[in-house]
């Protein structure tokens, strides 16, 4: 009887110029045992209407120009000083925010700078860029100093102030113009398909192709994404995930203080329970040495386009 009614309804809709079609569901077969995936079929990965909308998006950007490269002796790409790297990376992020807004992203976006005692000329440049940003901004001069303590302050600020999605980012990640748009839209899609909040990592790190592991491929808003099992501090998460895994996140605040603390024993265990995905190719890249650049990213163009005119 139900099928007969469906045929009648479809026939009526067809005469009116409409098409009735069955919604195809996405079936996710979890290769990670700890993932809490829905028992029923997931949301259609091709559907345009997304039931999990991002409502607020905070970017917490940690800046520090006192140290060229933390824990390394090698120089950066093109032998650029940290001050120039930081300013261009921040500018690429601000330009990407503006692009997302021009493409219809109308949710509240906040850009929070947490600065660890950078030189005054750099601070002035940061504030100049913030004045040009098309979103709400805030500059916070940290009282504490050091990599670990600034990590802790970033997490504490987000736990107290954020309402939905948070992008924690270090000051040497360069972004392509479409990055923020795709991060927000793809977050919505992944969370809908998996029926839960997820974590994202915006760079497609080359090490993932030197040490091949099983992965799953998902459709994002504009490109494919793959499941991964680790990130750096730079990552996208939700306020719910942050609070539920608080001990793991805040444990990274001992990085550089306790030699035993790394991302592997703080952040990585989270992704055994929370799905984490990374774009192919990357939407951002860690601007350090050439052997760490995300494949198929036009980093030279990204770098040139992020040059800042302070006049």
C-alpha atoms as a PDB file:
ATOM      1  CA  UNK A   1       0.000   0.000   0.000  1.00  0.00           C
ATOM      2  CA  UNK A   2       2.838   2.370   0.933  1.00  0.00           C
ATOM      3  CA  UNK A   3       4.520   1.833  -2.446  1.00  0.00           C
ATOM      4  CA  UNK A   4       1.226   2.419  -4.259  1.00  0.00           C
ATOM      5  CA  UNK A   5       0.779   5.722  -2.438  1.00  0.00           C
ATOM      6  CA  UNK A   6       4.358   6.645  -3.286  1.00  0.00           C
ATOM      7  CA  UNK A   7       3.753   5.983  -6.986  1.00  0.00           C
ATOM      8  CA  UNK A   8       0.603   8.116  -6.916  1.00  0.00           C
ATOM      9  CA  UNK A   9       2.410  10.969  -5.164  1.00  0.00           C
ATOM     10  CA  UNK A  10       5.339  10.706  -7.579  1.00  0.00           C
ATOM     11  CA  UNK A  11       2.995  10.811 -10.568  1.00  0.00           C
ATOM     12  CA  UNK A  12       1.241  13.917  -9.226  1.00  0.00           C
ATOM     13  CA  UNK A  13       4.546  15.664  -8.490  1.00  0.00           C
ATOM     14  CA  UNK A  14       5.895  14.784 -11.936  1.00  0.00           C
ATOM     15  CA  UNK A  15       2.924  16.476 -13.619  1.00  0.00           C
ATOM     16  CA  UNK A  16       3.676  19.557 -11.518  1.00  0.00           C
ATOM     17  CA  UNK A  17       7.314  19.563 -12.637  1.00  0.00           C
ATOM     18  CA  UNK A  18       8.839  18.054  -9.481  1.00  0.00           C
ATOM     19  CA  UNK A  19      10.762  14.834  -8.879  1.00  0.00           C
ATOM     20  CA  UNK A  20      10.352  12.612  -5.824  1.00  0.00           C
ATOM     21  CA  UNK A  21      13.483  10.625  -5.065  1.00  0.00           C
ATOM     22  CA  UNK A  22      14.676   8.408  -2.275  1.00  0.00           C
ATOM     23  CA  UNK A  23      17.388   9.877  -0.063  1.00  0.00           C
ATOM     24  CA  UNK A  24      20.477   7.688  -0.335  1.00  0.00           C
ATOM     25  CA  UNK A  25      22.188   7.136   2.980  1.00  0.00           C
ATOM     26  CA  UNK A  26      25.905   6.959   3.657  1.00  0.00           C
ATOM     27  CA  UNK A  27      27.057   3.762   5.370  1.00  0.00           C
ATOM     28  CA  UNK A  28      30.283   4.269   7.336  1.00  0.00           C
ATOM     29  CA  UNK A  29      32.220   1.131   8.188  1.00  0.00           C
ATOM     30  CA  UNK A  30      34.480   2.159  11.052  1.00  0.00           C
ATOM     31  CA  UNK A  31      38.054   0.912  10.940  1.00  0.00           C
ATOM     32  CA  UNK A  32      38.770   2.642  14.249  1.00  0.00           C
ATOM     33  CA  UNK A  33      37.154   0.602  17.055  1.00  0.00           C
ATOM     34  CA  UNK A  34      36.716   3.529  19.436  1.00  0.00           C
ATOM     35  CA  UNK A  35      34.657   5.663  17.065  1.00  0.00           C
ATOM     36  CA  UNK A  36      31.106   6.069  18.291  1.00  0.00           C
ATOM     37  CA  UNK A  37      29.369   5.936  14.926  1.00  0.00           C
ATOM     38  CA  UNK A  38      25.583   5.840  14.500  1.00  0.00           C
ATOM     39  CA  UNK A  39      24.072   2.363  14.343  1.00  0.00           C
ATOM     40  CA  UNK A  40      21.767   3.310  11.478  1.00  0.00           C
ATOM     41  CA  UNK A  41      22.772   4.555   8.053  1.00  0.00           C
ATOM     42  CA  UNK A  42      24.344   8.004   8.100  1.00  0.00           C
ATOM     43  CA  UNK A  43      23.358  11.226   6.372  1.00  0.00           C
ATOM     44  CA  UNK A  44      23.715  11.353   2.593  1.00  0.00           C
ATOM     45  CA  UNK A  45      27.154  12.700   1.714  1.00  0.00           C
ATOM     46  CA  UNK A  46      25.783  14.202  -1.532  1.00  0.00           C
ATOM     47  CA  UNK A  47      22.820  15.982   0.034  1.00  0.00           C
ATOM     48  CA  UNK A  48      22.914  19.794  -0.137  1.00  0.00           C
ATOM     49  CA  UNK A  49      20.860  20.389   3.020  1.00  0.00           C
ATOM     50  CA  UNK A  50      23.132  19.868   6.019  1.00  0.00           C
ATOM     51  CA  UNK A  51      21.487  19.230   9.414  1.00  0.00           C
ATOM     52  CA  UNK A  52      24.582  20.146  11.473  1.00  0.00           C
ATOM     53  CA  UNK A  53      25.210  23.863  10.921  1.00  0.00           C
ATOM     54  CA  UNK A  54      28.218  25.634  12.433  1.00  0.00           C
ATOM     55  CA  UNK A  55      26.827  28.538  14.507  1.00  0.00           C
ATOM     56  CA  UNK A  56      30.011  30.236  15.752  1.00  0.00           C
ATOM     57  CA  UNK A  57      33.623  29.983  14.590  1.00  0.00           C
ATOM     58  CA  UNK A  58      36.554  31.107  16.746  1.00  0.00           C
ATOM     59  CA  UNK A  59      40.158  31.210  15.533  1.00  0.00           C
ATOM     60  CA  UNK A  60      42.788  31.234  18.271  1.00  0.00           C
ATOM     61  CA  UNK A  61      46.109  32.235  16.708  1.00  0.00           C
ATOM     62  CA  UNK A  62      49.261  31.847  18.851  1.00  0.00           C
ATOM     63  CA  UNK A  63      52.009  34.282  17.836  1.00  0.00           C
ATOM     64  CA  UNK A  64      55.622  34.467  18.971  1.00  0.00           C
ATOM     65  CA  UNK A  65      58.574  35.864  17.032  1.00  0.00           C
ATOM     66  CA  UNK A  66      61.198  35.324  19.718  1.00  0.00           C
ATOM     67  CA  UNK A  67      61.934  31.779  18.487  1.00  0.00           C
ATOM     68  CA  UNK A  68      62.658  31.108  14.810  1.00  0.00           C
ATOM     69  CA  UNK A  69      61.716  27.381  14.765  1.00  0.00           C
ATOM     70  CA  UNK A  70      60.827  25.588  17.995  1.00  0.00           C
ATOM     71  CA  UNK A  71      63.069  22.562  18.575  1.00  0.00           C
ATOM     72  CA  UNK A  72      64.932  22.775  15.227  1.00  0.00           C
ATOM     73  CA  UNK A  73      68.150  24.265  13.914  1.00  0.00           C
ATOM     74  CA  UNK A  74      67.352  24.314  10.192  1.00  0.00           C
ATOM     75  CA  UNK A  75      66.231  27.496   8.486  1.00  0.00           C
ATOM     76  CA  UNK A  76      62.803  27.977   6.945  1.00  0.00           C
ATOM     77  CA  UNK A  77      61.812  27.997   3.290  1.00  0.00           C
ATOM     78  CA  UNK A  78      63.411  30.861   1.350  1.00  0.00           C
ATOM     79  CA  UNK A  79      65.404  31.615   4.529  1.00  0.00           C
ATOM     80  CA  UNK A  80      62.639  33.892   5.794  1.00  0.00           C
ATOM     81  CA  UNK A  81      62.736  35.300   9.348  1.00  0.00           C
ATOM     82  CA  UNK A  82      59.976  34.259  11.738  1.00  0.00           C
ATOM     83  CA  UNK A  83      58.559  37.785  11.864  1.00  0.00           C
ATOM     84  CA  UNK A  84      57.878  37.755   8.106  1.00  0.00           C
ATOM     85  CA  UNK A  85      56.474  34.221   8.249  1.00  0.00           C
ATOM     86  CA  UNK A  86      54.115  35.114  11.085  1.00  0.00           C
ATOM     87  CA  UNK A  87      52.794  38.276   9.402  1.00  0.00           C
ATOM     88  CA  UNK A  88      52.179  36.574   6.066  1.00  0.00           C
ATOM     89  CA  UNK A  89      50.525  33.559   7.697  1.00  0.00           C
ATOM     90  CA  UNK A  90      48.234  35.858   9.689  1.00  0.00           C
ATOM     91  CA  UNK A  91      47.454  37.868   6.568  1.00  0.00           C
ATOM     92  CA  UNK A  92      46.597  34.704   4.617  1.00  0.00           C
ATOM     93  CA  UNK A  93      44.197  33.740   7.397  1.00  0.00           C
ATOM     94  CA  UNK A  94      42.526  37.170   7.457  1.00  0.00           C
ATOM     95  CA  UNK A  95      42.149  37.137   3.673  1.00  0.00           C
ATOM     96  CA  UNK A  96      40.633  33.656   3.855  1.00  0.00           C
ATOM     97  CA  UNK A  97      38.093  34.855   6.446  1.00  0.00           C
ATOM     98  CA  UNK A  98      37.092  37.686   4.118  1.00  0.00           C
ATOM     99  CA  UNK A  99      36.728  35.274   1.207  1.00  0.00           C
ATOM    100  CA  UNK A 100      34.474  32.971   3.253  1.00  0.00           C
ATOM    101  CA  UNK A 101      32.239  35.896   4.145  1.00  0.00           C
ATOM    102  CA  UNK A 102      32.061  36.981   0.512  1.00  0.00           C
ATOM    103  CA  UNK A 103      30.904  33.443  -0.359  1.00  0.00           C
ATOM    104  CA  UNK A 104      27.984  33.571   2.042  1.00  0.00           C
ATOM    105  CA  UNK A 105      29.373  32.487   5.403  1.00  0.00           C
ATOM    106  CA  UNK A 106      27.400  34.760   7.715  1.00  0.00           C
ATOM    107  CA  UNK A 107      28.045  33.190  11.124  1.00  0.00           C
ATOM    108  CA  UNK A 108      29.958  35.104  13.831  1.00  0.00           C
ATOM    109  CA  UNK A 109      33.708  34.668  13.304  1.00  0.00           C
ATOM    110  CA  UNK A 110      36.240  35.831  15.894  1.00  0.00           C
ATOM    111  CA  UNK A 111      40.005  36.037  15.445  1.00  0.00           C
ATOM    112  CA  UNK A 112      41.881  35.959  18.756  1.00  0.00           C
ATOM    113  CA  UNK A 113      45.625  36.645  18.809  1.00  0.00           C
ATOM    114  CA  UNK A 114      47.523  35.281  21.801  1.00  0.00           C
ATOM    115  CA  UNK A 115      50.970  36.798  21.629  1.00  0.00           C
ATOM    116  CA  UNK A 116      53.959  35.524  23.567  1.00  0.00           C
ATOM    117  CA  UNK A 117      56.134  38.635  23.980  1.00  0.00           C
ATOM    118  CA  UNK A 118      56.819  39.400  20.315  1.00  0.00           C
ATOM    119  CA  UNK A 119      58.880  42.470  19.491  1.00  0.00           C
ATOM    120  CA  UNK A 120      56.972  45.769  19.436  1.00  0.00           C
ATOM    121  CA  UNK A 121      57.316  46.290  15.639  1.00  0.00           C
ATOM    122  CA  UNK A 122      55.709  42.878  15.077  1.00  0.00           C
ATOM    123  CA  UNK A 123      52.925  43.628  17.534  1.00  0.00           C
ATOM    124  CA  UNK A 124      52.212  46.873  15.695  1.00  0.00           C
ATOM    125  CA  UNK A 125      52.009  44.965  12.403  1.00  0.00           C
ATOM    126  CA  UNK A 126      49.623  42.430  13.967  1.00  0.00           C
ATOM    127  CA  UNK A 127      47.347  45.185  15.211  1.00  0.00           C
ATOM    128  CA  UNK A 128      47.397  46.872  11.811  1.00  0.00           C
ATOM    129  CA  UNK A 129      46.246  43.628  10.187  1.00  0.00           C
ATOM    130  CA  UNK A 130      43.540  43.154  12.802  1.00  0.00           C
ATOM    131  CA  UNK A 131      42.214  46.610  11.991  1.00  0.00           C
ATOM    132  CA  UNK A 132      41.797  45.486   8.385  1.00  0.00           C
ATOM    133  CA  UNK A 133      40.015  42.215   9.249  1.00  0.00           C
ATOM    134  CA  UNK A 134      36.341  41.812   8.375  1.00  0.00           C
ATOM    135  CA  UNK A 135      35.496  39.937  11.571  1.00  0.00           C
ATOM    136  CA  UNK A 136      35.618  40.557  15.312  1.00  0.00           C
ATOM    137  CA  UNK A 137      39.210  40.537  16.589  1.00  0.00           C
ATOM    138  CA  UNK A 138      41.033  40.627  19.894  1.00  0.00           C
ATOM    139  CA  UNK A 139      44.723  40.922  20.806  1.00  0.00           C
ATOM    140  CA  UNK A 140      45.842  39.283  24.046  1.00  0.00           C
ATOM    141  CA  UNK A 141      49.383  39.849  25.328  1.00  0.00           C
ATOM    142  CA  UNK A 142      50.252  36.800  27.405  1.00  0.00           C
ATOM    143  CA  UNK A 143      51.792  37.262  30.825  1.00  0.00           C
ATOM    144  CA  UNK A 144      53.363  33.802  30.761  1.00  0.00           C
ATOM    145  CA  UNK A 145      55.976  32.794  28.218  1.00  0.00           C
ATOM    146  CA  UNK A 146      56.891  29.565  26.469  1.00  0.00           C
ATOM    147  CA  UNK A 147      55.297  27.178  23.990  1.00  0.00           C
ATOM    148  CA  UNK A 148      53.494  25.012  26.536  1.00  0.00           C
ATOM    149  CA  UNK A 149      52.047  27.848  28.627  1.00  0.00           C
ATOM    150  CA  UNK A 150      50.691  29.606  25.525  1.00  0.00           C
ATOM    151  CA  UNK A 151      49.045  26.337  24.471  1.00  0.00           C
ATOM    152  CA  UNK A 152      47.383  26.177  27.863  1.00  0.00           C
ATOM    153  CA  UNK A 153      46.163  29.778  27.674  1.00  0.00           C
ATOM    154  CA  UNK A 154      44.665  29.129  24.232  1.00  0.00           C
ATOM    155  CA  UNK A 155      42.730  26.109  25.463  1.00  0.00           C
ATOM    156  CA  UNK A 156      41.557  27.900  28.612  1.00  0.00           C
ATOM    157  CA  UNK A 157      40.305  30.894  26.631  1.00  0.00           C
ATOM    158  CA  UNK A 158      38.364  28.663  24.249  1.00  0.00           C
ATOM    159  CA  UNK A 159      36.817  26.608  27.027  1.00  0.00           C
ATOM    160  CA  UNK A 160      35.578  29.771  28.717  1.00  0.00           C
ATOM    161  CA  UNK A 161      34.481  31.783  25.674  1.00  0.00           C
ATOM    162  CA  UNK A 162      33.759  29.594  22.645  1.00  0.00           C
ATOM    163  CA  UNK A 163      30.235  28.508  21.720  1.00  0.00           C
ATOM    164  CA  UNK A 164      30.721  26.015  18.892  1.00  0.00           C
ATOM    165  CA  UNK A 165      33.739  25.399  16.634  1.00  0.00           C
ATOM    166  CA  UNK A 166      37.309  26.459  17.424  1.00  0.00           C
ATOM    167  CA  UNK A 167      40.305  26.595  15.127  1.00  0.00           C
ATOM    168  CA  UNK A 168      43.537  26.508  17.122  1.00  0.00           C
ATOM    169  CA  UNK A 169      46.381  27.592  14.858  1.00  0.00           C
ATOM    170  CA  UNK A 170      50.092  28.239  15.165  1.00  0.00           C
ATOM    171  CA  UNK A 171      51.651  31.303  13.578  1.00  0.00           C
ATOM    172  CA  UNK A 172      53.554  29.496  10.813  1.00  0.00           C
ATOM    173  CA  UNK A 173      50.619  27.891   8.991  1.00  0.00           C
ATOM    174  CA  UNK A 174      49.999  29.472   5.590  1.00  0.00           C
ATOM    175  CA  UNK A 175      46.428  29.280   4.238  1.00  0.00           C
ATOM    176  CA  UNK A 176      44.962  29.221   0.761  1.00  0.00           C
ATOM    177  CA  UNK A 177      42.120  31.720   0.103  1.00  0.00           C
ATOM    178  CA  UNK A 178      39.401  29.042   0.240  1.00  0.00           C
ATOM    179  CA  UNK A 179      40.589  27.563   3.549  1.00  0.00           C
ATOM    180  CA  UNK A 180      38.116  29.024   6.044  1.00  0.00           C
ATOM    181  CA  UNK A 181      35.146  28.581   3.709  1.00  0.00           C
ATOM    182  CA  UNK A 182      35.951  24.907   3.189  1.00  0.00           C
ATOM    183  CA  UNK A 183      36.813  24.245   6.831  1.00  0.00           C
ATOM    184  CA  UNK A 184      33.414  25.527   7.962  1.00  0.00           C
ATOM    185  CA  UNK A 185      31.366  23.942   5.177  1.00  0.00           C
ATOM    186  CA  UNK A 186      33.227  20.631   5.332  1.00  0.00           C
ATOM    187  CA  UNK A 187      32.928  20.505   9.116  1.00  0.00           C
ATOM    188  CA  UNK A 188      29.163  20.739   8.742  1.00  0.00           C
ATOM    189  CA  UNK A 189      29.147  17.948   6.163  1.00  0.00           C
ATOM    190  CA  UNK A 190      31.439  15.553   8.055  1.00  0.00           C
ATOM    191  CA  UNK A 191      29.586  16.049  11.334  1.00  0.00           C
ATOM    192  CA  UNK A 192      26.276  15.406   9.566  1.00  0.00           C
ATOM    193  CA  UNK A 193      27.462  12.236   7.821  1.00  0.00           C
ATOM    194  CA  UNK A 194      28.990  10.841  11.013  1.00  0.00           C
ATOM    195  CA  UNK A 195      26.185  12.148  13.235  1.00  0.00           C
ATOM    196  CA  UNK A 196      28.663  13.596  15.733  1.00  0.00           C
ATOM    197  CA  UNK A 197      31.167  16.404  16.101  1.00  0.00           C
ATOM    198  CA  UNK A 198      34.558  15.743  14.525  1.00  0.00           C
ATOM    199  CA  UNK A 199      38.089  17.129  14.556  1.00  0.00           C
ATOM    200  CA  UNK A 200      39.865  18.478  11.467  1.00  0.00           C
ATOM    201  CA  UNK A 201      43.490  19.116  10.568  1.00  0.00           C
ATOM    202  CA  UNK A 202      43.870  21.599   7.663  1.00  0.00           C
ATOM    203  CA  UNK A 203      47.230  20.410   6.263  1.00  0.00           C
ATOM    204  CA  UNK A 204      47.882  17.295   4.191  1.00  0.00           C
ATOM    205  CA  UNK A 205      51.207  16.311   5.729  1.00  0.00           C
ATOM    206  CA  UNK A 206      53.700  14.453   3.484  1.00  0.00           C
ATOM    207  CA  UNK A 207      54.570  11.976   6.253  1.00  0.00           C
ATOM    208  CA  UNK A 208      51.161  10.404   5.711  1.00  0.00           C
ATOM    209  CA  UNK A 209      52.469   9.179   2.347  1.00  0.00           C
ATOM    210  CA  UNK A 210      55.759   7.883   3.758  1.00  0.00           C
ATOM    211  CA  UNK A 211      54.063   5.794   6.433  1.00  0.00           C
ATOM    212  CA  UNK A 212      50.985   4.371   4.736  1.00  0.00           C
ATOM    213  CA  UNK A 213      48.093   3.512   7.011  1.00  0.00           C
ATOM    214  CA  UNK A 214      44.487   2.530   6.390  1.00  0.00           C
ATOM    215  CA  UNK A 215      42.228   5.513   5.847  1.00  0.00           C
ATOM    216  CA  UNK A 216      38.657   6.353   4.815  1.00  0.00           C
ATOM    217  CA  UNK A 217      37.722   8.958   2.212  1.00  0.00           C
ATOM    218  CA  UNK A 218      34.876  11.440   2.755  1.00  0.00           C
ATOM    219  CA  UNK A 219      33.357  14.109   0.559  1.00  0.00           C
ATOM    220  CA  UNK A 220      33.958  17.645   1.791  1.00  0.00           C
ATOM    221  CA  UNK A 221      32.359  20.786   0.439  1.00  0.00           C
ATOM    222  CA  UNK A 222      34.926  21.228  -2.342  1.00  0.00           C
ATOM    223  CA  UNK A 223      37.428  18.344  -2.112  1.00  0.00           C
ATOM    224  CA  UNK A 224      38.016  14.930  -0.590  1.00  0.00           C
ATOM    225  CA  UNK A 225      39.046  14.431   3.029  1.00  0.00           C
ATOM    226  CA  UNK A 226      40.768  11.449   4.627  1.00  0.00           C
ATOM    227  CA  UNK A 227      40.664  10.095   8.154  1.00  0.00           C
ATOM    228  CA  UNK A 228      43.853  10.541  10.170  1.00  0.00           C
ATOM    229  CA  UNK A 229      45.008   9.636  13.661  1.00  0.00           C
ATOM    230  CA  UNK A 230      47.132  12.588  14.743  1.00  0.00           C
ATOM    231  CA  UNK A 231      47.447  16.377  14.556  1.00  0.00           C
ATOM    232  CA  UNK A 232      49.619  19.124  15.902  1.00  0.00           C
ATOM    233  CA  UNK A 233      48.197  21.883  18.127  1.00  0.00           C
ATOM    234  CA  UNK A 234      46.886  23.384  14.891  1.00  0.00           C
ATOM    235  CA  UNK A 235      43.489  21.724  14.548  1.00  0.00           C
ATOM    236  CA  UNK A 236      39.761  22.338  14.442  1.00  0.00           C
ATOM    237  CA  UNK A 237      37.494  20.976  17.162  1.00  0.00           C
ATOM    238  CA  UNK A 238      34.196  21.706  18.897  1.00  0.00           C
ATOM    239  CA  UNK A 239      33.589  23.104  22.351  1.00  0.00           C
ATOM    240  CA  UNK A 240      31.953  19.791  23.251  1.00  0.00           C
ATOM    241  CA  UNK A 241      35.008  17.754  22.248  1.00  0.00           C
ATOM    242  CA  UNK A 242      37.293  20.210  24.040  1.00  0.00           C
ATOM    243  CA  UNK A 243      35.364  19.865  27.298  1.00  0.00           C
ATOM    244  CA  UNK A 244      34.897  16.095  27.032  1.00  0.00           C
ATOM    245  CA  UNK A 245      38.625  15.548  26.477  1.00  0.00           C
ATOM    246  CA  UNK A 246      39.883  18.420  28.588  1.00  0.00           C
ATOM    247  CA  UNK A 247      42.570  16.478  30.435  1.00  0.00           C
ATOM    248  CA  UNK A 248      44.125  15.407  27.137  1.00  0.00           C
ATOM    249  CA  UNK A 249      44.060  18.908  25.651  1.00  0.00           C
ATOM    250  CA  UNK A 250      45.393  20.704  28.704  1.00  0.00           C
ATOM    251  CA  UNK A 251      48.076  18.044  29.059  1.00  0.00           C
ATOM    252  CA  UNK A 252      49.755  19.550  25.977  1.00  0.00           C
ATOM    253  CA  UNK A 253      50.375  22.694  28.043  1.00  0.00           C
ATOM    254  CA  UNK A 254      53.389  20.837  29.470  1.00  0.00           C
ATOM    255  CA  UNK A 255      54.938  20.603  25.998  1.00  0.00           C
ATOM    256  CA  UNK A 256      58.511  21.930  26.146  1.00  0.00           C
ATOM    257  CA  UNK A 257      58.434  21.739  29.949  1.00  0.00           C
ATOM    258  CA  UNK A 258      58.074  18.005  30.491  1.00  0.00           C
ATOM    259  CA  UNK A 259      60.214  16.162  27.892  1.00  0.00           C
ATOM    260  CA  UNK A 260      57.814  13.216  28.017  1.00  0.00           C
ATOM    261  CA  UNK A 261      54.847  15.287  26.790  1.00  0.00           C
ATOM    262  CA  UNK A 262      54.112  15.286  23.049  1.00  0.00           C
ATOM    263  CA  UNK A 263      51.073  15.378  20.799  1.00  0.00           C
ATOM    264  CA  UNK A 264      51.338  11.574  20.648  1.00  0.00           C
ATOM    265  CA  UNK A 265      50.384  11.105  24.318  1.00  0.00           C
ATOM    266  CA  UNK A 266      47.990  14.051  24.659  1.00  0.00           C
ATOM    267  CA  UNK A 267      46.093  14.807  21.435  1.00  0.00           C
ATOM    268  CA  UNK A 268      46.487  11.537  19.574  1.00  0.00           C
ATOM    269  CA  UNK A 269      44.440   9.429  22.045  1.00  0.00           C
ATOM    270  CA  UNK A 270      41.478  11.764  21.437  1.00  0.00           C
ATOM    271  CA  UNK A 271      41.314  10.633  17.813  1.00  0.00           C
ATOM    272  CA  UNK A 272      40.783   7.034  18.850  1.00  0.00           C
ATOM    273  CA  UNK A 273      37.347   8.168  20.029  1.00  0.00           C
ATOM    274  CA  UNK A 274      36.693  11.252  17.863  1.00  0.00           C
ATOM    275  CA  UNK A 275      36.860  11.020  14.048  1.00  0.00           C
ATOM    276  CA  UNK A 276      39.580  13.298  12.667  1.00  0.00           C
ATOM    277  CA  UNK A 277      39.912  14.225   9.000  1.00  0.00           C
ATOM    278  CA  UNK A 278      42.368  16.082   6.779  1.00  0.00           C
ATOM    279  CA  UNK A 279      41.808  17.588   3.282  1.00  0.00           C
ATOM    280  CA  UNK A 280      43.311  16.262   0.040  1.00  0.00           C
ATOM    281  CA  UNK A 281      45.114  18.403  -1.050  1.00  0.00           C
ATOM    282  CA  UNK A 282      45.692  20.597   2.000  1.00  0.00           C
ATOM    283  CA  UNK A 283      44.011  23.909   2.769  1.00  0.00           C
ATOM    284  CA  UNK A 284      46.983  25.075   4.834  1.00  0.00           C
ATOM    285  CA  UNK A 285      50.627  24.143   5.143  1.00  0.00           C
ATOM    286  CA  UNK A 286      53.272  24.282   7.821  1.00  0.00           C
ATOM    287  CA  UNK A 287      55.718  26.861   6.488  1.00  0.00           C
ATOM    288  CA  UNK A 288      58.982  25.344   7.661  1.00  0.00           C
ATOM    289  CA  UNK A 289      61.185  23.198   5.388  1.00  0.00           C
ATOM    290  CA  UNK A 290      60.431  21.956   1.891  1.00  0.00           C
ATOM    291  CA  UNK A 291      60.259  18.303   2.987  1.00  0.00           C
ATOM    292  CA  UNK A 292      57.291  19.155   5.205  1.00  0.00           C
ATOM    293  CA  UNK A 293      55.217  21.009   2.600  1.00  0.00           C
ATOM    294  CA  UNK A 294      51.801  19.544   1.818  1.00  0.00           C
ATOM    295  CA  UNK A 295      51.845  17.911  -1.656  1.00  0.00           C
ATOM    296  CA  UNK A 296      50.116  19.602  -4.594  1.00  0.00           C
ATOM    297  CA  UNK A 297      49.848  22.939  -2.775  1.00  0.00           C
ATOM    298  CA  UNK A 298      51.015  25.993  -4.698  1.00  0.00           C
ATOM    299  CA  UNK A 299      52.860  27.302  -1.659  1.00  0.00           C
ATOM    300  CA  UNK A 300      54.926  29.811  -3.627  1.00  0.00           C
ATOM    301  CA  UNK A 301      51.744  31.518  -4.866  1.00  0.00           C
ATOM    302  CA  UNK A 302      50.197  31.393  -1.388  1.00  0.00           C
ATOM    303  CA  UNK A 303      53.339  33.010  -0.012  1.00  0.00           C
ATOM    304  CA  UNK A 304      53.420  35.742  -2.674  1.00  0.00           C
ATOM    305  CA  UNK A 305      49.715  36.515  -2.298  1.00  0.00           C
ATOM    306  CA  UNK A 306      50.096  36.868   1.487  1.00  0.00           C
ATOM    307  CA  UNK A 307      52.666  39.678   1.247  1.00  0.00           C
ATOM    308  CA  UNK A 308      51.612  42.584   3.441  1.00  0.00           C
ATOM    309  CA  UNK A 309      51.594  46.215   2.375  1.00  0.00           C
ATOM    310  CA  UNK A 310      51.799  48.276   5.556  1.00  0.00           C
ATOM    311  CA  UNK A 311      51.596  51.617   3.759  1.00  0.00           C
END
